Amino acid sequence: MTQQGLLIDYEFCTGCHACEVACKVEKGLAEGEFGIKLTEIGPWKLDGSKKWEWDFVPMPTQRCDLCHDRTEAGKVPACVHHCQSLVMEYGPVEELAKKATKSRVVIFTVEA
């Protein structure tokens, strides 16, 4: 069987937390438990310019199973389905790797 993964292009993540909420509802997680956790990095001023850096990075946790029940039913993981910025994609790792041509893209997998 082909290994499936989650590609996240965090360059365009807006920090809306929809992935966290969707995961919590899908998995019935309690307060303080996360299947995916949005990490905020910044803000900080870039050297020598008037620009600021402020990134949001959705990070799957050890509770993430890539929504095994949903994907077995032919659906995408809840975080992908509800991502308002469309920065998440689920699919075969080999195909995701071909799309990972930018520097702010990560691919996550889970052990079977």
Protein backbone atom coordinates (compact mmCIF):
# COMPACT_ATOMS: atom_id res chain seq x y z
CA MET A 1 0.00 0.00 0.00
CA THR A 2 1.21 3.49 -0.84
CA GLN A 3 2.14 5.64 2.16
CA GLN A 4 -0.15 8.65 2.57
CA GLY A 5 0.89 11.99 3.95
CA LEU A 6 -0.09 15.54 4.68
CA LEU A 7 1.58 18.41 2.80
CA ILE A 8 1.43 21.81 4.47
CA ASP A 9 2.50 24.99 2.68
CA TYR A 10 2.85 27.24 5.69
CA GLU A 11 3.95 30.27 3.68
CA PHE A 12 0.28 31.11 3.17
CA CYS A 13 -1.23 29.86 6.44
CA THR A 14 -3.28 32.70 7.95
CA GLY A 15 -3.42 31.30 11.48
CA CYS A 16 -7.21 30.88 11.52
CA HIS A 17 -7.08 27.71 13.72
CA ALA A 18 -9.76 25.97 11.58
CA CYS A 19 -7.52 22.89 11.36
CA GLU A 20 -7.26 22.68 15.16
CA VAL A 21 -11.00 23.07 15.68
CA ALA A 22 -11.91 20.58 12.95
CA CYS A 23 -9.53 18.00 14.41
CA LYS A 24 -10.79 18.51 17.97
CA VAL A 25 -14.40 18.02 16.84
CA GLU A 26 -13.59 15.04 14.58
CA LYS A 27 -11.57 13.25 17.28
CA GLY A 28 -13.60 14.41 20.29
CA LEU A 29 -10.48 15.79 21.95
CA ALA A 30 -10.67 17.46 25.35
CA GLU A 31 -9.51 20.96 26.18
CA GLY A 32 -5.72 21.12 25.94
CA GLU A 33 -5.52 18.06 23.65
CA PHE A 34 -4.62 18.51 20.00
CA GLY A 35 -4.29 16.32 16.94
CA ILE A 36 -2.86 19.30 15.11
CA LYS A 37 -1.57 22.41 16.86
CA LEU A 38 -1.06 25.77 15.24
CA THR A 39 2.31 27.18 16.26
CA GLU A 40 2.91 30.91 15.96
CA ILE A 41 6.42 32.12 15.17
CA GLY A 42 7.05 35.83 15.48
CA PRO A 43 6.44 38.60 14.92
CA TRP A 44 9.91 40.05 14.55
CA LYS A 45 11.31 42.82 12.42
CA LEU A 46 13.56 41.79 9.55
CA ASP A 47 17.02 43.31 9.72
CA GLY A 48 17.54 46.48 7.72
CA SER A 49 13.97 46.81 6.47
CA LYS A 50 10.51 47.96 7.46
CA LYS A 51 9.16 44.43 6.96
CA TRP A 52 8.05 42.02 9.65
CA GLU A 53 8.08 38.22 9.74
CA TRP A 54 5.13 36.41 11.32
CA ASP A 55 4.51 32.77 10.52
CA PHE A 56 1.88 30.21 11.47
CA VAL A 57 2.86 26.56 11.28
CA PRO A 58 0.20 23.84 11.71
CA MET A 59 1.98 20.90 13.36
CA PRO A 60 0.37 17.45 13.62
CA THR A 61 0.88 15.90 17.07
CA GLN A 62 1.29 12.30 18.18
CA ARG A 63 -2.52 12.05 18.33
CA CYS A 64 -2.73 12.60 14.55
CA ASP A 65 -3.55 9.47 12.58
CA LEU A 66 -4.34 11.46 9.41
CA CYS A 67 -8.03 10.85 10.22
CA HIS A 68 -7.75 7.15 9.47
CA ASP A 69 -11.52 6.59 9.68
CA ARG A 70 -12.23 9.46 7.27
CA THR A 71 -9.56 8.48 4.76
CA GLU A 72 -10.68 4.84 4.81
CA ALA A 73 -14.12 6.15 3.81
CA GLY A 74 -12.60 8.06 0.86
CA LYS A 75 -12.61 11.48 2.56
CA VAL A 76 -9.69 13.78 3.29
CA PRO A 77 -8.55 14.47 6.87
CA ALA A 78 -10.68 17.00 8.77
CA CYS A 79 -7.85 19.56 8.87
CA VAL A 80 -7.50 19.47 5.08
CA HIS A 81 -11.26 19.65 4.53
CA HIS A 82 -11.65 22.73 6.75
CA CYS A 83 -8.43 24.63 5.88
CA GLN A 84 -9.66 28.08 4.85
CA SER A 85 -6.37 29.04 3.19
CA LEU A 86 -6.15 25.78 1.22
CA VAL A 87 -2.56 25.23 2.38
CA MET A 88 -3.02 21.54 3.25
CA GLU A 89 -3.17 18.59 0.90
CA TYR A 90 -3.54 14.86 1.59
CA GLY A 91 -2.29 12.16 -0.74
CA PRO A 92 0.44 9.68 -1.61
CA VAL A 93 3.80 10.83 -0.24
CA GLU A 94 5.51 10.36 -3.62
CA GLU A 95 3.03 12.73 -5.30
CA LEU A 96 3.23 15.25 -2.45
CA ALA A 97 7.04 15.23 -2.66
CA LYS A 98 6.84 16.27 -6.33
CA LYS A 99 4.74 19.28 -5.28
CA ALA A 100 7.08 20.26 -2.44
CA THR A 101 9.20 22.63 -4.49
CA LYS A 102 9.04 25.64 -2.17
CA SER A 103 11.12 26.26 0.92
CA ARG A 104 8.15 26.63 3.28
CA VAL A 105 6.52 23.29 2.58
CA VAL A 106 6.58 20.29 4.90
CA ILE A 107 5.23 16.75 4.52
CA PHE A 108 4.01 14.75 7.51
CA THR A 109 3.34 11.02 7.68
CA VAL A 110 2.22 8.67 10.43
CA GLU A 111 3.39 5.16 11.20
CA ALA A 112 0.99 2.45 10.13
